[in-house]
Amino acid sequence: MTRRKPLVLAILDGYGLLPAGSTNAICVTTSPRIAGFMQSYPTAILKAAGEAVGLPAGQIGNSEVGHLVIGAGRIVMTGLSLINHEVLTNQIFLNLSFSESIN
């Protein structure tokens, strides 16, 4: 059996990768350790807002929803997105609480 190599999942809350510029705090400061990690190890850039994390289109994400999605390994619809999805797919009528409240 092949032995698996150790893996580190490092989540940098509030650390966004945007185009370089004078208003990008990540680009105008020096962070040699983070730069070294990104050059030496595999990395991934994740979308953190809107439908990519189960929020309505255009809604800004937060650490709670980000950690939920990363931990689940899939999009987890909550709140308004879940209601919108159920309305669009007619699943809302299978929701007993909803059906009883309108009858």
Foldseek 3Di string as FASTA:
>chain_A
DDDDDDDDDDDDFPDDDDDDDPPRPVNVDDDVVVVVCPVPDDDDHADADDVSQQHHHPGGHHVVSVVVCVVVVHRDHDDPSVVVVCVVVVVQCVVVVSVVVVD
